[in-house]
Amino acid sequence: MWKVLSKQTPFKCNLCDKVFSRSDHLIRHMRVHTGDKPYKCSLCDKSFRDPGNLQSHKRHVHSNRRPYDCRYSGKLFKSSCELKQHVYIHTGAKPYSCRHCSGSFTQSQQLKAHLLKSHNEGTWFTCHICQKKFIQSANLKAHVRRHEGVKPYVCSECQKCFYTARELREHLLVH
């Protein structure tokens, strides 16, 4: 689909025809095509295209700060999105509905899993080593790290290494 340039969107990507109102937005967008990730986490080996994504990563992976609390249970969360998902447990809301059947789910990932398993809709991520299938690419990446013995998440207290950020977070509770 062709996008028309206007005074509001004068900056156009020459690779995919997306248009932007600001040159810095076009520069950030171009990193999608180049793969450039100049914003590096000082606490692990992750890199990001956008400084906001780096800050979000640090808050969710490396911080224990939980400013969002559930009014039903008092449980604390790192993000408003996590809180919103949690509140569905208390309210019984299932906002994600299957277009093929009457199934409804509290999380989008549950719907995605249902579509793959029940209706063969979507794409599995397959391990090139053992052929195990995954619904999420992040889960496949963590799985492959186990095959390769790569443990990029390091405890700042004792230097113990882990395959996933979740394993590191759980370990940090012992300190």
C-alpha atoms as a PDB file:
ATOM      1  CA  MET A   1       0.000   0.000   0.000  1.00  0.00           C
ATOM      2  CA  TRP A   2       1.406   3.385  -1.015  1.00  0.00           C
ATOM      3  CA  LYS A   3       1.599   6.068   1.669  1.00  0.00           C
ATOM      4  CA  VAL A   4       1.304   9.718   0.688  1.00  0.00           C
ATOM      5  CA  LEU A   5       3.817  12.185   2.086  1.00  0.00           C
ATOM      6  CA  SER A   6       2.340  15.292   3.620  1.00  0.00           C
ATOM      7  CA  LYS A   7       3.466  18.177   5.786  1.00  0.00           C
ATOM      8  CA  GLN A   8       2.544  16.038   8.813  1.00  0.00           C
ATOM      9  CA  THR A   9       4.576  13.040   7.579  1.00  0.00           C
ATOM     10  CA  PRO A  10       7.486  14.349   5.485  1.00  0.00           C
ATOM     11  CA  PHE A  11       9.989  11.572   6.286  1.00  0.00           C
ATOM     12  CA  LYS A  12       9.687   8.329   4.306  1.00  0.00           C
ATOM     13  CA  CYS A  13      11.536   5.028   4.665  1.00  0.00           C
ATOM     14  CA  ASN A  14      13.010   4.075   1.296  1.00  0.00           C
ATOM     15  CA  LEU A  15      12.853   0.358   2.142  1.00  0.00           C
ATOM     16  CA  CYS A  16       9.234  -0.170   3.235  1.00  0.00           C
ATOM     17  CA  ASP A  17       7.468   3.130   2.474  1.00  0.00           C
ATOM     18  CA  LYS A  18       6.481   3.875   6.084  1.00  0.00           C
ATOM     19  CA  VAL A  19       6.213   7.597   6.749  1.00  0.00           C
ATOM     20  CA  PHE A  20       7.055   9.629   9.854  1.00  0.00           C
ATOM     21  CA  SER A  21       6.433  13.121  11.157  1.00  0.00           C
ATOM     22  CA  ARG A  22       9.931  13.460  12.627  1.00  0.00           C
ATOM     23  CA  SER A  23      13.374  12.604  11.299  1.00  0.00           C
ATOM     24  CA  ASP A  24      14.417  10.950  14.572  1.00  0.00           C
ATOM     25  CA  HIS A  25      11.463   8.566  14.242  1.00  0.00           C
ATOM     26  CA  LEU A  26      12.660   7.602  10.764  1.00  0.00           C
ATOM     27  CA  ILE A  27      16.212   7.093  12.067  1.00  0.00           C
ATOM     28  CA  ARG A  28      14.900   4.836  14.862  1.00  0.00           C
ATOM     29  CA  HIS A  29      12.710   2.946  12.371  1.00  0.00           C
ATOM     30  CA  MET A  30      15.665   2.309  10.025  1.00  0.00           C
ATOM     31  CA  ARG A  31      17.215   0.145  12.764  1.00  0.00           C
ATOM     32  CA  VAL A  32      14.473  -2.407  12.034  1.00  0.00           C
ATOM     33  CA  HIS A  33      16.026  -2.848   8.587  1.00  0.00           C
ATOM     34  CA  THR A  34      19.704  -2.590   9.569  1.00  0.00           C
ATOM     35  CA  GLY A  35      19.448  -4.667  12.757  1.00  0.00           C
ATOM     36  CA  ASP A  36      21.435  -1.971  14.609  1.00  0.00           C
ATOM     37  CA  LYS A  37      20.912  -2.092  18.374  1.00  0.00           C
ATOM     38  CA  PRO A  38      23.088   0.688  19.827  1.00  0.00           C
ATOM     39  CA  TYR A  39      21.573   0.745  23.322  1.00  0.00           C
ATOM     40  CA  LYS A  40      23.342  -1.919  25.396  1.00  0.00           C
ATOM     41  CA  CYS A  41      22.325  -3.098  28.855  1.00  0.00           C
ATOM     42  CA  SER A  42      25.135  -2.629  31.362  1.00  0.00           C
ATOM     43  CA  LEU A  43      23.858  -5.582  33.425  1.00  0.00           C
ATOM     44  CA  CYS A  44      23.561  -8.322  30.775  1.00  0.00           C
ATOM     45  CA  ASP A  45      24.299  -8.974  27.096  1.00  0.00           C
ATOM     46  CA  LYS A  46      21.035  -7.588  25.693  1.00  0.00           C
ATOM     47  CA  SER A  47      20.960  -4.713  23.180  1.00  0.00           C
ATOM     48  CA  PHE A  48      18.063  -2.588  21.963  1.00  0.00           C
ATOM     49  CA  ARG A  49      17.108  -0.371  19.017  1.00  0.00           C
ATOM     50  CA  ASP A  50      15.410   2.198  21.215  1.00  0.00           C
ATOM     51  CA  PRO A  51      16.476   3.753  24.554  1.00  0.00           C
ATOM     52  CA  GLY A  52      12.943   3.341  25.905  1.00  0.00           C
ATOM     53  CA  ASN A  53      13.109  -0.404  25.320  1.00  0.00           C
ATOM     54  CA  LEU A  54      16.413  -0.528  27.229  1.00  0.00           C
ATOM     55  CA  GLN A  55      14.848   1.307  30.175  1.00  0.00           C
ATOM     56  CA  SER A  56      11.837  -1.015  30.099  1.00  0.00           C
ATOM     57  CA  HIS A  57      14.179  -4.035  30.027  1.00  0.00           C
ATOM     58  CA  LYS A  58      16.117  -2.781  33.053  1.00  0.00           C
ATOM     59  CA  ARG A  59      12.890  -2.124  34.969  1.00  0.00           C
ATOM     60  CA  HIS A  60      11.373  -5.539  34.188  1.00  0.00           C
ATOM     61  CA  VAL A  61      14.444  -7.770  34.292  1.00  0.00           C
ATOM     62  CA  HIS A  62      16.980  -6.177  36.604  1.00  0.00           C
ATOM     63  CA  SER A  63      14.833  -4.237  39.074  1.00  0.00           C
ATOM     64  CA  ASN A  64      12.751  -5.525  41.957  1.00  0.00           C
ATOM     65  CA  ARG A  65      10.687  -2.308  42.091  1.00  0.00           C
ATOM     66  CA  ARG A  66       6.952  -3.097  41.936  1.00  0.00           C
ATOM     67  CA  PRO A  67       4.908   0.115  42.048  1.00  0.00           C
ATOM     68  CA  TYR A  68       1.577  -1.334  40.844  1.00  0.00           C
ATOM     69  CA  ASP A  69      -0.592  -3.053  43.451  1.00  0.00           C
ATOM     70  CA  CYS A  70      -3.729  -5.139  43.040  1.00  0.00           C
ATOM     71  CA  ARG A  71      -6.721  -3.702  44.889  1.00  0.00           C
ATOM     72  CA  TYR A  72      -8.129  -7.209  45.377  1.00  0.00           C
ATOM     73  CA  SER A  73      -5.108  -9.104  46.693  1.00  0.00           C
ATOM     74  CA  GLY A  74      -2.434  -6.487  47.392  1.00  0.00           C
ATOM     75  CA  LYS A  75       0.010  -8.340  45.137  1.00  0.00           C
ATOM     76  CA  LEU A  76       2.621  -6.022  43.598  1.00  0.00           C
ATOM     77  CA  PHE A  77       3.640  -5.773  39.922  1.00  0.00           C
ATOM     78  CA  LYS A  78       6.388  -4.149  37.872  1.00  0.00           C
ATOM     79  CA  SER A  79       4.076  -2.824  35.151  1.00  0.00           C
ATOM     80  CA  SER A  80       0.499  -1.719  34.698  1.00  0.00           C
ATOM     81  CA  CYS A  81       0.135  -4.392  31.996  1.00  0.00           C
ATOM     82  CA  GLU A  82       1.111  -7.146  34.431  1.00  0.00           C
ATOM     83  CA  LEU A  83      -1.373  -5.768  36.968  1.00  0.00           C
ATOM     84  CA  LYS A  84      -4.133  -5.619  34.353  1.00  0.00           C
ATOM     85  CA  GLN A  85      -3.534  -9.261  33.393  1.00  0.00           C
ATOM     86  CA  HIS A  86      -3.556 -10.272  37.074  1.00  0.00           C
ATOM     87  CA  VAL A  87      -6.841  -8.470  37.825  1.00  0.00           C
ATOM     88  CA  TYR A  88      -8.552 -10.718  35.236  1.00  0.00           C
ATOM     89  CA  ILE A  89      -8.086 -13.558  37.751  1.00  0.00           C
ATOM     90  CA  HIS A  90     -10.254 -11.695  40.264  1.00  0.00           C
ATOM     91  CA  THR A  91     -12.854 -10.346  37.824  1.00  0.00           C
ATOM     92  CA  GLY A  92     -13.119 -13.455  35.656  1.00  0.00           C
ATOM     93  CA  ALA A  93     -12.691 -11.347  32.521  1.00  0.00           C
ATOM     94  CA  LYS A  94     -11.555 -13.198  29.400  1.00  0.00           C
ATOM     95  CA  PRO A  95     -11.109 -10.487  26.772  1.00  0.00           C
ATOM     96  CA  TYR A  96      -9.325 -12.656  24.165  1.00  0.00           C
ATOM     97  CA  SER A  97     -11.834 -14.672  22.107  1.00  0.00           C
ATOM     98  CA  CYS A  98     -11.263 -17.335  19.485  1.00  0.00           C
ATOM     99  CA  ARG A  99     -12.781 -16.559  16.103  1.00  0.00           C
ATOM    100  CA  HIS A 100     -13.233 -20.285  15.359  1.00  0.00           C
ATOM    101  CA  CYS A 101     -14.963 -21.536  18.496  1.00  0.00           C
ATOM    102  CA  SER A 102     -16.381 -20.344  21.821  1.00  0.00           C
ATOM    103  CA  GLY A 103     -12.997 -20.312  23.566  1.00  0.00           C
ATOM    104  CA  SER A 104     -12.035 -17.181  25.491  1.00  0.00           C
ATOM    105  CA  PHE A 105      -8.879 -16.421  27.441  1.00  0.00           C
ATOM    106  CA  THR A 106      -7.421 -14.020  29.998  1.00  0.00           C
ATOM    107  CA  GLN A 107      -4.129 -13.570  28.106  1.00  0.00           C
ATOM    108  CA  SER A 108      -3.306 -13.029  24.435  1.00  0.00           C
ATOM    109  CA  GLN A 109      -0.617 -15.725  24.638  1.00  0.00           C
ATOM    110  CA  GLN A 110      -3.235 -18.230  25.814  1.00  0.00           C
ATOM    111  CA  LEU A 111      -5.323 -17.415  22.733  1.00  0.00           C
ATOM    112  CA  LYS A 112      -2.250 -17.750  20.501  1.00  0.00           C
ATOM    113  CA  ALA A 113      -1.482 -21.173  22.011  1.00  0.00           C
ATOM    114  CA  HIS A 114      -5.111 -22.242  21.540  1.00  0.00           C
ATOM    115  CA  LEU A 115      -5.112 -21.151  17.887  1.00  0.00           C
ATOM    116  CA  LEU A 116      -1.934 -23.127  17.216  1.00  0.00           C
ATOM    117  CA  LYS A 117      -2.954 -26.279  19.088  1.00  0.00           C
ATOM    118  CA  SER A 118      -6.684 -26.428  18.315  1.00  0.00           C
ATOM    119  CA  HIS A 119      -7.024 -24.740  14.935  1.00  0.00           C
ATOM    120  CA  ASN A 120      -3.518 -25.107  13.439  1.00  0.00           C
ATOM    121  CA  GLU A 121      -3.388 -21.337  12.966  1.00  0.00           C
ATOM    122  CA  GLY A 122      -0.077 -19.546  13.367  1.00  0.00           C
ATOM    123  CA  THR A 123       3.549 -20.601  13.334  1.00  0.00           C
ATOM    124  CA  TRP A 124       5.422 -22.885  15.683  1.00  0.00           C
ATOM    125  CA  PHE A 125       9.017 -22.046  16.564  1.00  0.00           C
ATOM    126  CA  THR A 126      11.018 -25.269  16.165  1.00  0.00           C
ATOM    127  CA  CYS A 127      14.361 -26.140  17.769  1.00  0.00           C
ATOM    128  CA  HIS A 128      16.900 -26.957  15.056  1.00  0.00           C
ATOM    129  CA  ILE A 129      18.648 -29.389  17.425  1.00  0.00           C
ATOM    130  CA  CYS A 130      15.848 -31.564  18.850  1.00  0.00           C
ATOM    131  CA  GLN A 131      12.765 -30.419  16.862  1.00  0.00           C
ATOM    132  CA  LYS A 132      10.827 -29.446  20.015  1.00  0.00           C
ATOM    133  CA  LYS A 133       8.140 -26.864  19.162  1.00  0.00           C
ATOM    134  CA  PHE A 134       7.420 -23.604  20.977  1.00  0.00           C
ATOM    135  CA  ILE A 135       4.643 -21.056  20.768  1.00  0.00           C
ATOM    136  CA  GLN A 136       6.906 -18.100  21.641  1.00  0.00           C
ATOM    137  CA  SER A 137      10.279 -17.328  20.062  1.00  0.00           C
ATOM    138  CA  ALA A 138      11.663 -16.249  23.446  1.00  0.00           C
ATOM    139  CA  ASN A 139      10.975 -19.725  24.844  1.00  0.00           C
ATOM    140  CA  LEU A 140      12.776 -21.299  21.878  1.00  0.00           C
ATOM    141  CA  LYS A 141      15.790 -19.017  22.435  1.00  0.00           C
ATOM    142  CA  ALA A 142      15.963 -20.001  26.110  1.00  0.00           C
ATOM    143  CA  HIS A 143      15.663 -23.672  25.136  1.00  0.00           C
ATOM    144  CA  VAL A 144      18.505 -23.432  22.598  1.00  0.00           C
ATOM    145  CA  ARG A 145      20.704 -21.780  25.242  1.00  0.00           C
ATOM    146  CA  ARG A 146      20.327 -24.956  27.299  1.00  0.00           C
ATOM    147  CA  HIS A 147      21.525 -27.081  24.360  1.00  0.00           C
ATOM    148  CA  GLU A 148      24.474 -24.740  23.896  1.00  0.00           C
ATOM    149  CA  GLY A 149      25.248 -24.344  27.604  1.00  0.00           C
ATOM    150  CA  VAL A 150      25.002 -20.552  27.401  1.00  0.00           C
ATOM    151  CA  LYS A 151      24.064 -18.867  30.691  1.00  0.00           C
ATOM    152  CA  PRO A 152      24.029 -15.105  30.032  1.00  0.00           C
ATOM    153  CA  TYR A 153      22.253 -14.032  33.235  1.00  0.00           C
ATOM    154  CA  VAL A 154      24.742 -13.503  36.074  1.00  0.00           C
ATOM    155  CA  CYS A 155      23.946 -12.860  39.734  1.00  0.00           C
ATOM    156  CA  SER A 156      25.583  -9.637  40.895  1.00  0.00           C
ATOM    157  CA  GLU A 157      25.872 -11.043  44.439  1.00  0.00           C
ATOM    158  CA  CYS A 158      27.529 -14.442  43.895  1.00  0.00           C
ATOM    159  CA  GLN A 159      28.334 -14.590  40.140  1.00  0.00           C
ATOM    160  CA  LYS A 160      26.192 -17.721  39.637  1.00  0.00           C
ATOM    161  CA  CYS A 161      24.964 -17.948  36.016  1.00  0.00           C
ATOM    162  CA  PHE A 162      21.503 -18.785  34.648  1.00  0.00           C
ATOM    163  CA  TYR A 163      19.851 -19.602  31.328  1.00  0.00           C
ATOM    164  CA  THR A 164      16.922 -17.189  31.763  1.00  0.00           C
ATOM    165  CA  ALA A 165      16.180 -13.878  33.447  1.00  0.00           C
ATOM    166  CA  ARG A 166      13.378 -15.601  35.349  1.00  0.00           C
ATOM    167  CA  GLU A 167      15.796 -18.139  36.853  1.00  0.00           C
ATOM    168  CA  LEU A 168      18.056 -15.268  37.925  1.00  0.00           C
ATOM    169  CA  ARG A 169      15.123 -13.369  39.493  1.00  0.00           C
ATOM    170  CA  GLU A 170      14.094 -16.470  41.449  1.00  0.00           C
ATOM    171  CA  HIS A 171      17.694 -16.991  42.569  1.00  0.00           C
ATOM    172  CA  LEU A 172      17.984 -13.380  43.767  1.00  0.00           C
ATOM    173  CA  LEU A 173      15.367 -14.138  46.408  1.00  0.00           C
ATOM    174  CA  VAL A 174      17.967 -16.225  48.309  1.00  0.00           C
ATOM    175  CA  HIS A 175      20.093 -13.121  48.777  1.00  0.00           C
END
